[in-house]
Amino acid sequence: MSLRDSFFLELTEKMLREGEAVLVPTRGSSMSPLISDGCRLKVEPVAPRSLRLGDIILYRAGEALVAHRLVGKRGEGQDLRLSCKGDAFTWQAREKVAPEQILGRVTAVRGRWGREIRIDAGWGRILSLVLAFTWPVSQGAYLLLAKLKTGVAHLWRVMLPWG
């Protein structure tokens, strides 16, 4: 999920850096199925050192705000290294995120229907952990299915008399 609008970006960054929570609208499908286009994310300020694997973090990437799942965290203090990725694009490489890019942690998702789901505690946190630690499995499954689809399409073309 990324959002590009310089005024909104600056205002959101300012509010979070001053300790205020914000609601951020989503665009894109990189975090589906949990977060889809048109949802709103409740984002609260966070110190990068207190982030946990599985958290969805909002960070600045150039002139865009991006919300992706934290799938790697190594080091401490100045040596802290973070990596994130979207849930939907399992083939996508991990993105390296510097601690100074972090604006906040997503604590809830408000769907287009208005219902809010907490994702920082309880079942929402468990779901986040499952998604964070199973993405390599889902990536392998995706690649396998893509290969099978290509193979079946090739066989179909070979077997058809007009193919």
N, C-alpha and C. Protein backbone atom coordinates (compact mmCIF):
# COMPACT_ATOMS: atom_id res chain seq x y z
N MET A 1 0.85 -1.16 0.00
CA MET A 1 0.00 0.00 0.00
C MET A 1 0.89 1.22 0.00
N SER A 2 0.68 2.12 -0.93
CA SER A 2 1.44 3.37 -0.89
C SER A 2 0.53 4.53 -1.22
N LEU A 3 0.85 5.66 -0.69
CA LEU A 3 0.05 6.86 -0.88
C LEU A 3 0.99 8.01 -1.22
N ARG A 4 0.66 8.73 -2.30
CA ARG A 4 1.50 9.84 -2.75
C ARG A 4 0.67 11.12 -2.80
N ASP A 5 0.95 12.02 -1.92
CA ASP A 5 0.33 13.34 -1.88
C ASP A 5 1.18 14.14 -0.92
N SER A 6 1.93 15.12 -1.43
CA SER A 6 2.94 15.78 -0.60
C SER A 6 2.36 16.47 0.63
N PHE A 7 1.21 17.15 0.51
CA PHE A 7 0.64 17.81 1.68
C PHE A 7 0.22 16.78 2.73
N PHE A 8 -0.48 15.75 2.28
CA PHE A 8 -0.93 14.70 3.21
C PHE A 8 0.28 14.01 3.84
N LEU A 9 1.29 13.73 3.04
CA LEU A 9 2.49 13.07 3.54
C LEU A 9 3.15 13.91 4.63
N GLU A 10 3.33 15.19 4.38
CA GLU A 10 3.98 16.07 5.36
C GLU A 10 3.16 16.19 6.63
N LEU A 11 1.84 16.34 6.50
CA LEU A 11 0.97 16.47 7.65
C LEU A 11 0.97 15.19 8.49
N THR A 12 0.86 14.05 7.82
CA THR A 12 0.86 12.76 8.52
C THR A 12 2.18 12.56 9.26
N GLU A 13 3.29 12.83 8.59
CA GLU A 13 4.60 12.68 9.22
C GLU A 13 4.74 13.61 10.44
N LYS A 14 4.30 14.85 10.29
CA LYS A 14 4.38 15.81 11.40
C LYS A 14 3.56 15.35 12.60
N MET A 15 2.33 14.91 12.35
CA MET A 15 1.46 14.47 13.45
C MET A 15 2.04 13.26 14.18
N LEU A 16 2.52 12.28 13.42
CA LEU A 16 3.08 11.08 14.05
C LEU A 16 4.37 11.40 14.82
N ARG A 17 5.20 12.25 14.27
CA ARG A 17 6.44 12.62 14.97
C ARG A 17 6.15 13.42 16.24
N GLU A 18 4.99 14.07 16.30
CA GLU A 18 4.59 14.81 17.50
C GLU A 18 3.78 13.95 18.47
N GLY A 19 3.64 12.65 18.17
CA GLY A 19 2.98 11.74 19.09
C GLY A 19 1.49 11.54 18.90
N GLU A 20 0.94 12.02 17.79
CA GLU A 20 -0.49 11.87 17.52
C GLU A 20 -0.75 10.66 16.64
N ALA A 21 -1.86 9.96 16.89
CA ALA A 21 -2.30 8.87 16.02
C ALA A 21 -3.04 9.46 14.82
N VAL A 22 -3.00 8.77 13.70
CA VAL A 22 -3.66 9.24 12.48
C VAL A 22 -4.41 8.10 11.81
N LEU A 23 -5.38 8.47 10.97
CA LEU A 23 -6.05 7.52 10.08
C LEU A 23 -5.52 7.78 8.68
N VAL A 24 -5.03 6.74 8.02
CA VAL A 24 -4.44 6.87 6.70
C VAL A 24 -5.24 6.03 5.72
N PRO A 25 -5.74 6.66 4.64
CA PRO A 25 -6.46 5.87 3.62
C PRO A 25 -5.47 5.03 2.82
N THR A 26 -5.94 3.90 2.31
CA THR A 26 -5.05 3.01 1.55
C THR A 26 -5.35 3.09 0.07
N ARG A 27 -4.30 2.84 -0.69
CA ARG A 27 -4.39 2.68 -2.14
C ARG A 27 -3.52 1.50 -2.50
N GLY A 28 -4.01 0.66 -3.36
CA GLY A 28 -3.23 -0.46 -3.81
C GLY A 28 -3.64 -1.77 -3.14
N SER A 29 -2.99 -2.84 -3.55
CA SER A 29 -3.37 -4.17 -3.07
C SER A 29 -2.19 -4.97 -2.53
N SER A 30 -1.08 -4.31 -2.24
CA SER A 30 0.11 -5.05 -1.81
C SER A 30 -0.07 -5.74 -0.46
N MET A 31 -1.07 -5.33 0.33
CA MET A 31 -1.27 -5.93 1.65
C MET A 31 -2.55 -6.76 1.73
N SER A 32 -3.15 -7.04 0.58
CA SER A 32 -4.36 -7.87 0.63
C SER A 32 -3.98 -9.31 0.95
N PRO A 33 -4.81 -10.07 1.60
CA PRO A 33 -6.23 -9.84 1.80
C PRO A 33 -6.57 -9.04 3.07
N LEU A 34 -5.65 -8.87 3.98
CA LEU A 34 -5.95 -8.20 5.24
C LEU A 34 -6.31 -6.73 5.03
N ILE A 35 -5.56 -6.05 4.17
CA ILE A 35 -5.80 -4.63 3.91
C ILE A 35 -6.03 -4.47 2.41
N SER A 36 -7.19 -3.96 2.06
CA SER A 36 -7.48 -3.78 0.64
C SER A 36 -7.59 -2.30 0.30
N ASP A 37 -7.65 -2.03 -0.97
CA ASP A 37 -7.76 -0.66 -1.45
C ASP A 37 -9.02 -0.01 -0.87
N GLY A 38 -8.87 1.19 -0.34
CA GLY A 38 -10.02 1.91 0.20
C GLY A 38 -10.22 1.76 1.70
N CYS A 39 -9.40 0.96 2.36
CA CYS A 39 -9.49 0.85 3.82
C CYS A 39 -8.83 2.07 4.45
N ARG A 40 -8.97 2.18 5.76
CA ARG A 40 -8.25 3.21 6.52
C ARG A 40 -7.45 2.50 7.60
N LEU A 41 -6.23 2.95 7.77
CA LEU A 41 -5.35 2.36 8.77
C LEU A 41 -5.22 3.31 9.95
N LYS A 42 -5.37 2.77 11.15
CA LYS A 42 -5.08 3.57 12.34
C LYS A 42 -3.60 3.37 12.62
N VAL A 43 -2.85 4.45 12.60
CA VAL A 43 -1.40 4.39 12.77
C VAL A 43 -1.04 5.18 14.02
N GLU A 44 -0.25 4.56 14.88
CA GLU A 44 0.21 5.21 16.11
C GLU A 44 1.72 5.35 16.07
N PRO A 45 2.24 6.41 16.67
CA PRO A 45 3.70 6.59 16.71
C PRO A 45 4.37 5.41 17.39
N VAL A 46 5.59 5.11 16.97
CA VAL A 46 6.33 3.99 17.55
C VAL A 46 7.82 4.27 17.47
N ALA A 47 8.53 3.81 18.48
CA ALA A 47 10.00 3.85 18.43
C ALA A 47 10.45 2.63 17.64
N PRO A 48 11.32 2.79 16.64
CA PRO A 48 11.74 1.66 15.82
C PRO A 48 12.25 0.46 16.64
N ARG A 49 12.90 0.69 17.76
CA ARG A 49 13.45 -0.41 18.56
C ARG A 49 12.34 -1.26 19.19
N SER A 50 11.11 -0.71 19.33
CA SER A 50 10.03 -1.47 19.95
C SER A 50 9.18 -2.23 18.93
N LEU A 51 9.54 -2.16 17.65
CA LEU A 51 8.81 -2.90 16.63
C LEU A 51 9.02 -4.40 16.81
N ARG A 52 7.99 -5.17 16.48
CA ARG A 52 8.07 -6.63 16.57
C ARG A 52 7.83 -7.23 15.19
N LEU A 53 8.44 -8.39 14.94
CA LEU A 53 8.19 -9.08 13.69
C LEU A 53 6.69 -9.30 13.54
N GLY A 54 6.19 -9.09 12.34
CA GLY A 54 4.77 -9.24 12.08
C GLY A 54 4.02 -7.93 12.13
N ASP A 55 4.60 -6.89 12.75
CA ASP A 55 3.94 -5.59 12.77
C ASP A 55 3.82 -5.04 11.35
N ILE A 56 2.77 -4.30 11.11
CA ILE A 56 2.66 -3.55 9.87
C ILE A 56 3.08 -2.13 10.21
N ILE A 57 4.07 -1.65 9.48
CA ILE A 57 4.60 -0.33 9.79
C ILE A 57 4.35 0.63 8.63
N LEU A 58 4.18 1.88 8.99
CA LEU A 58 4.04 2.94 7.99
C LEU A 58 5.39 3.65 7.93
N TYR A 59 5.92 3.75 6.73
CA TYR A 59 7.21 4.40 6.58
C TYR A 59 7.23 5.25 5.32
N ARG A 60 8.16 6.16 5.30
CA ARG A 60 8.31 7.04 4.15
C ARG A 60 9.32 6.44 3.19
N ALA A 61 8.91 6.34 1.94
CA ALA A 61 9.79 5.85 0.88
C ALA A 61 9.81 6.92 -0.21
N GLY A 62 10.77 7.82 -0.13
CA GLY A 62 10.82 8.94 -1.07
C GLY A 62 9.64 9.86 -0.86
N GLU A 63 8.82 10.01 -1.87
CA GLU A 63 7.64 10.87 -1.79
C GLU A 63 6.36 10.05 -1.62
N ALA A 64 6.45 8.92 -0.96
CA ALA A 64 5.28 8.07 -0.74
C ALA A 64 5.27 7.55 0.70
N LEU A 65 4.07 7.27 1.19
CA LEU A 65 3.91 6.55 2.45
C LEU A 65 3.63 5.10 2.08
N VAL A 66 4.30 4.19 2.75
CA VAL A 66 4.13 2.77 2.47
C VAL A 66 3.81 2.05 3.77
N ALA A 67 2.85 1.15 3.73
CA ALA A 67 2.53 0.30 4.88
C ALA A 67 2.78 -1.14 4.47
N HIS A 68 3.81 -1.74 5.03
CA HIS A 68 4.14 -3.14 4.76
C HIS A 68 4.50 -3.84 6.07
N ARG A 69 4.52 -5.16 6.00
CA ARG A 69 4.77 -5.99 7.18
C ARG A 69 6.26 -6.11 7.47
N LEU A 70 6.61 -5.98 8.74
CA LEU A 70 7.99 -6.15 9.18
C LEU A 70 8.30 -7.65 9.21
N VAL A 71 9.23 -8.08 8.36
CA VAL A 71 9.57 -9.50 8.29
C VAL A 71 11.01 -9.78 8.71
N GLY A 72 11.76 -8.73 9.02
CA GLY A 72 13.13 -8.93 9.47
C GLY A 72 13.59 -7.77 10.33
N LYS A 73 14.26 -8.10 11.42
CA LYS A 73 14.78 -7.08 12.33
C LYS A 73 16.08 -7.61 12.93
N ARG A 74 17.17 -6.86 12.69
CA ARG A 74 18.46 -7.28 13.23
C ARG A 74 19.20 -6.08 13.77
N GLY A 75 20.01 -6.31 14.76
CA GLY A 75 20.83 -5.25 15.34
C GLY A 75 20.09 -4.45 16.38
N GLU A 76 20.79 -3.47 16.92
CA GLU A 76 20.25 -2.59 17.96
C GLU A 76 20.75 -1.18 17.73
N GLY A 77 20.08 -0.19 18.27
CA GLY A 77 20.53 1.20 18.22
C GLY A 77 20.82 1.67 16.81
N GLN A 78 22.02 2.20 16.61
CA GLN A 78 22.42 2.71 15.30
C GLN A 78 22.57 1.60 14.26
N ASP A 79 22.77 0.35 14.73
CA ASP A 79 22.95 -0.77 13.81
C ASP A 79 21.64 -1.48 13.48
N LEU A 80 20.50 -0.93 13.91
CA LEU A 80 19.19 -1.56 13.66
C LEU A 80 18.92 -1.61 12.16
N ARG A 81 18.61 -2.82 11.67
CA ARG A 81 18.29 -3.03 10.26
C ARG A 81 16.93 -3.70 10.19
N LEU A 82 16.04 -3.12 9.37
CA LEU A 82 14.68 -3.62 9.24
C LEU A 82 14.41 -4.00 7.79
N SER A 83 13.58 -5.02 7.59
CA SER A 83 13.13 -5.35 6.24
C SER A 83 11.64 -5.63 6.28
N CYS A 84 10.96 -5.18 5.23
CA CYS A 84 9.51 -5.27 5.14
C CYS A 84 9.12 -5.84 3.79
N LYS A 85 7.86 -6.24 3.69
CA LYS A 85 7.32 -6.63 2.39
C LYS A 85 5.81 -6.66 2.46
N GLY A 86 5.19 -6.54 1.31
CA GLY A 86 3.74 -6.63 1.21
C GLY A 86 3.29 -8.07 1.32
N ASP A 87 2.09 -8.29 1.84
CA ASP A 87 1.57 -9.65 1.98
C ASP A 87 1.18 -10.27 0.65
N ALA A 88 0.65 -9.46 -0.27
CA ALA A 88 0.09 -9.99 -1.51
C ALA A 88 1.16 -10.39 -2.52
N PHE A 89 2.25 -9.66 -2.57
CA PHE A 89 3.26 -9.91 -3.59
C PHE A 89 4.34 -10.81 -3.01
N THR A 90 4.05 -12.10 -2.99
CA THR A 90 4.95 -13.03 -2.33
C THR A 90 6.28 -13.17 -3.07
N TRP A 91 6.32 -12.86 -4.33
CA TRP A 91 7.55 -12.97 -5.09
C TRP A 91 8.43 -11.73 -4.93
N GLN A 92 7.88 -10.70 -4.34
CA GLN A 92 8.60 -9.44 -4.17
C GLN A 92 9.74 -9.59 -3.16
N ALA A 93 10.85 -8.95 -3.45
CA ALA A 93 11.99 -8.98 -2.53
C ALA A 93 11.67 -8.15 -1.29
N ARG A 94 12.36 -8.47 -0.22
CA ARG A 94 12.22 -7.66 1.00
C ARG A 94 12.76 -6.26 0.73
N GLU A 95 12.11 -5.27 1.36
CA GLU A 95 12.56 -3.89 1.25
C GLU A 95 13.35 -3.54 2.49
N LYS A 96 14.49 -2.96 2.32
CA LYS A 96 15.27 -2.50 3.47
C LYS A 96 14.74 -1.13 3.89
N VAL A 97 14.47 -0.99 5.19
CA VAL A 97 13.90 0.25 5.72
C VAL A 97 14.80 0.74 6.85
N ALA A 98 15.23 1.98 6.75
CA ALA A 98 16.07 2.58 7.79
C ALA A 98 15.16 3.04 8.93
N PRO A 99 15.64 2.95 10.18
CA PRO A 99 14.82 3.38 11.32
C PRO A 99 14.27 4.80 11.19
N GLU A 100 15.01 5.71 10.57
CA GLU A 100 14.53 7.09 10.44
C GLU A 100 13.38 7.23 9.45
N GLN A 101 13.13 6.21 8.63
CA GLN A 101 12.00 6.24 7.71
C GLN A 101 10.68 5.88 8.41
N ILE A 102 10.77 5.20 9.55
CA ILE A 102 9.58 4.71 10.25
C ILE A 102 8.78 5.87 10.81
N LEU A 103 7.48 5.88 10.50
CA LEU A 103 6.58 6.90 11.03
C LEU A 103 5.67 6.34 12.12
N GLY A 104 5.26 5.08 11.99
CA GLY A 104 4.37 4.51 12.99
C GLY A 104 4.03 3.07 12.73
N ARG A 105 3.27 2.51 13.67
CA ARG A 105 2.82 1.12 13.59
C ARG A 105 1.31 1.12 13.35
N VAL A 106 0.86 0.28 12.42
CA VAL A 106 -0.57 0.15 12.16
C VAL A 106 -1.16 -0.69 13.30
N THR A 107 -2.15 -0.13 13.99
CA THR A 107 -2.76 -0.85 15.12
C THR A 107 -4.15 -1.37 14.80
N ALA A 108 -4.78 -0.82 13.76
CA ALA A 108 -6.12 -1.27 13.40
C ALA A 108 -6.38 -0.99 11.92
N VAL A 109 -7.27 -1.79 11.35
CA VAL A 109 -7.70 -1.61 9.97
C VAL A 109 -9.20 -1.36 9.99
N ARG A 110 -9.62 -0.28 9.37
CA ARG A 110 -11.03 0.03 9.26
C ARG A 110 -11.43 -0.18 7.81
N GLY A 111 -12.25 -1.20 7.58
CA GLY A 111 -12.68 -1.53 6.22
C GLY A 111 -13.64 -0.52 5.65
N ARG A 112 -13.92 -0.66 4.37
CA ARG A 112 -14.85 0.27 3.71
C ARG A 112 -16.24 0.19 4.33
N TRP A 113 -16.55 -0.92 4.96
CA TRP A 113 -17.85 -1.11 5.59
C TRP A 113 -17.92 -0.46 6.97
N GLY A 114 -16.79 0.10 7.45
CA GLY A 114 -16.77 0.83 8.70
C GLY A 114 -16.34 0.04 9.92
N ARG A 115 -16.23 -1.26 9.82
CA ARG A 115 -15.83 -2.08 10.96
C ARG A 115 -14.33 -2.01 11.15
N GLU A 116 -13.90 -1.88 12.41
CA GLU A 116 -12.48 -1.78 12.71
C GLU A 116 -11.98 -3.09 13.30
N ILE A 117 -10.83 -3.54 12.81
CA ILE A 117 -10.20 -4.77 13.30
C ILE A 117 -8.86 -4.39 13.91
N ARG A 118 -8.66 -4.68 15.18
CA ARG A 118 -7.36 -4.45 15.84
C ARG A 118 -6.39 -5.51 15.35
N ILE A 119 -5.21 -5.09 14.97
CA ILE A 119 -4.21 -6.06 14.50
C ILE A 119 -2.95 -6.05 15.34
N ASP A 120 -2.94 -5.28 16.42
CA ASP A 120 -1.75 -5.21 17.26
C ASP A 120 -1.87 -6.03 18.53
N ALA A 121 -3.01 -6.69 18.73
CA ALA A 121 -3.22 -7.50 19.94
C ALA A 121 -4.22 -8.61 19.64
N GLY A 122 -4.25 -9.60 20.51
CA GLY A 122 -5.23 -10.68 20.40
C GLY A 122 -5.11 -11.47 19.10
N TRP A 123 -6.27 -11.81 18.52
CA TRP A 123 -6.30 -12.61 17.29
C TRP A 123 -5.68 -11.87 16.12
N GLY A 124 -5.82 -10.55 16.10
CA GLY A 124 -5.20 -9.77 15.03
C GLY A 124 -3.69 -9.88 15.04
N ARG A 125 -3.10 -9.90 16.23
CA ARG A 125 -1.65 -10.05 16.36
C ARG A 125 -1.23 -11.46 15.93
N ILE A 126 -2.02 -12.46 16.30
CA ILE A 126 -1.72 -13.84 15.90
C ILE A 126 -1.76 -13.96 14.37
N LEU A 127 -2.78 -13.36 13.75
CA LEU A 127 -2.87 -13.38 12.29
C LEU A 127 -1.65 -12.70 11.68
N SER A 128 -1.21 -11.58 12.24
CA SER A 128 -0.03 -10.88 11.73
C SER A 128 1.21 -11.76 11.80
N LEU A 129 1.37 -12.47 12.90
CA LEU A 129 2.52 -13.36 13.03
C LEU A 129 2.47 -14.50 12.02
N VAL A 130 1.30 -15.08 11.84
CA VAL A 130 1.15 -16.17 10.86
C VAL A 130 1.51 -15.67 9.47
N LEU A 131 0.99 -14.50 9.10
CA LEU A 131 1.31 -13.95 7.78
C LEU A 131 2.79 -13.62 7.65
N ALA A 132 3.40 -13.13 8.71
CA ALA A 132 4.82 -12.77 8.66
C ALA A 132 5.72 -13.99 8.48
N PHE A 133 5.38 -15.07 9.15
CA PHE A 133 6.28 -16.23 9.13
C PHE A 133 5.95 -17.26 8.07
N THR A 134 4.83 -17.12 7.39
CA THR A 134 4.49 -18.09 6.35
C THR A 134 4.70 -17.54 4.96
N TRP A 135 5.15 -16.28 4.82
CA TRP A 135 5.30 -15.75 3.47
C TRP A 135 6.29 -16.55 2.62
N PRO A 136 7.36 -17.14 3.16
CA PRO A 136 8.21 -17.95 2.27
C PRO A 136 7.46 -19.17 1.74
N VAL A 137 6.58 -19.74 2.55
CA VAL A 137 5.79 -20.90 2.11
C VAL A 137 4.83 -20.46 1.01
N SER A 138 4.13 -19.33 1.23
CA SER A 138 3.19 -18.87 0.22
C SER A 138 3.92 -18.46 -1.06
N GLN A 139 5.14 -17.94 -0.92
CA GLN A 139 5.91 -17.60 -2.11
C GLN A 139 6.24 -18.86 -2.90
N GLY A 140 6.65 -19.91 -2.22
CA GLY A 140 6.94 -21.18 -2.90
C GLY A 140 5.70 -21.75 -3.55
N ALA A 141 4.57 -21.70 -2.86
CA ALA A 141 3.31 -22.20 -3.42
C ALA A 141 2.93 -21.41 -4.67
N TYR A 142 3.09 -20.09 -4.61
CA TYR A 142 2.77 -19.26 -5.77
C TYR A 142 3.63 -19.65 -6.97
N LEU A 143 4.94 -19.79 -6.74
CA LEU A 143 5.84 -20.14 -7.85
C LEU A 143 5.51 -21.52 -8.41
N LEU A 144 5.18 -22.47 -7.54
CA LEU A 144 4.80 -23.81 -7.99
C LEU A 144 3.52 -23.76 -8.84
N LEU A 145 2.52 -23.05 -8.37
CA LEU A 145 1.27 -22.94 -9.12
C LEU A 145 1.47 -22.23 -10.45
N ALA A 146 2.32 -21.23 -10.47
CA ALA A 146 2.61 -20.53 -11.72
C ALA A 146 3.26 -21.48 -12.72
N LYS A 147 4.19 -22.32 -12.24
CA LYS A 147 4.84 -23.31 -13.11
C LYS A 147 3.82 -24.32 -13.64
N LEU A 148 2.96 -24.80 -12.74
CA LEU A 148 1.94 -25.76 -13.16
C LEU A 148 1.01 -25.15 -14.19
N LYS A 149 0.60 -23.91 -13.98
CA LYS A 149 -0.29 -23.24 -14.92
C LYS A 149 0.37 -23.11 -16.29
N THR A 150 1.64 -22.75 -16.30
CA THR A 150 2.38 -22.62 -17.56
C THR A 150 2.49 -23.97 -18.25
N GLY A 151 2.80 -25.02 -17.47
CA GLY A 151 2.91 -26.36 -18.03
C GLY A 151 1.60 -26.87 -18.59
N VAL A 152 0.51 -26.64 -17.88
CA VAL A 152 -0.81 -27.08 -18.35
C VAL A 152 -1.20 -26.31 -19.61
N ALA A 153 -0.93 -25.01 -19.64
CA ALA A 153 -1.24 -24.21 -20.84
C ALA A 153 -0.45 -24.72 -22.03
N HIS A 154 0.80 -25.09 -21.82
CA HIS A 154 1.63 -25.62 -22.91
C HIS A 154 1.07 -26.95 -23.40
N LEU A 155 0.72 -27.85 -22.48
CA LEU A 155 0.13 -29.13 -22.87
C LEU A 155 -1.17 -28.92 -23.64
N TRP A 156 -1.98 -28.00 -23.19
CA TRP A 156 -3.25 -27.71 -23.83
C TRP A 156 -3.03 -27.27 -25.28
N ARG A 157 -2.04 -26.41 -25.51
CA ARG A 157 -1.74 -25.95 -26.87
C ARG A 157 -1.22 -27.09 -27.74
N VAL A 158 -0.40 -27.96 -27.16
CA VAL A 158 0.17 -29.08 -27.92
C VAL A 158 -0.91 -30.08 -28.30
N MET A 159 -1.87 -30.32 -27.40
CA MET A 159 -2.89 -31.34 -27.62
C MET A 159 -4.01 -30.88 -28.54
N LEU A 160 -4.22 -29.59 -28.67
CA LEU A 160 -5.29 -29.11 -29.53
C LEU A 160 -4.89 -29.24 -30.99
N PRO A 161 -5.83 -29.71 -31.84
CA PRO A 161 -5.48 -29.90 -33.24
C PRO A 161 -5.15 -28.60 -33.96
N TRP A 162 -5.71 -27.49 -33.55
CA TRP A 162 -5.43 -26.22 -34.21
C TRP A 162 -4.33 -25.41 -33.51
N GLY A 163 -3.72 -26.00 -32.44
CA GLY A 163 -2.70 -25.31 -31.65
C GLY A 163 -1.42 -25.39 -32.31
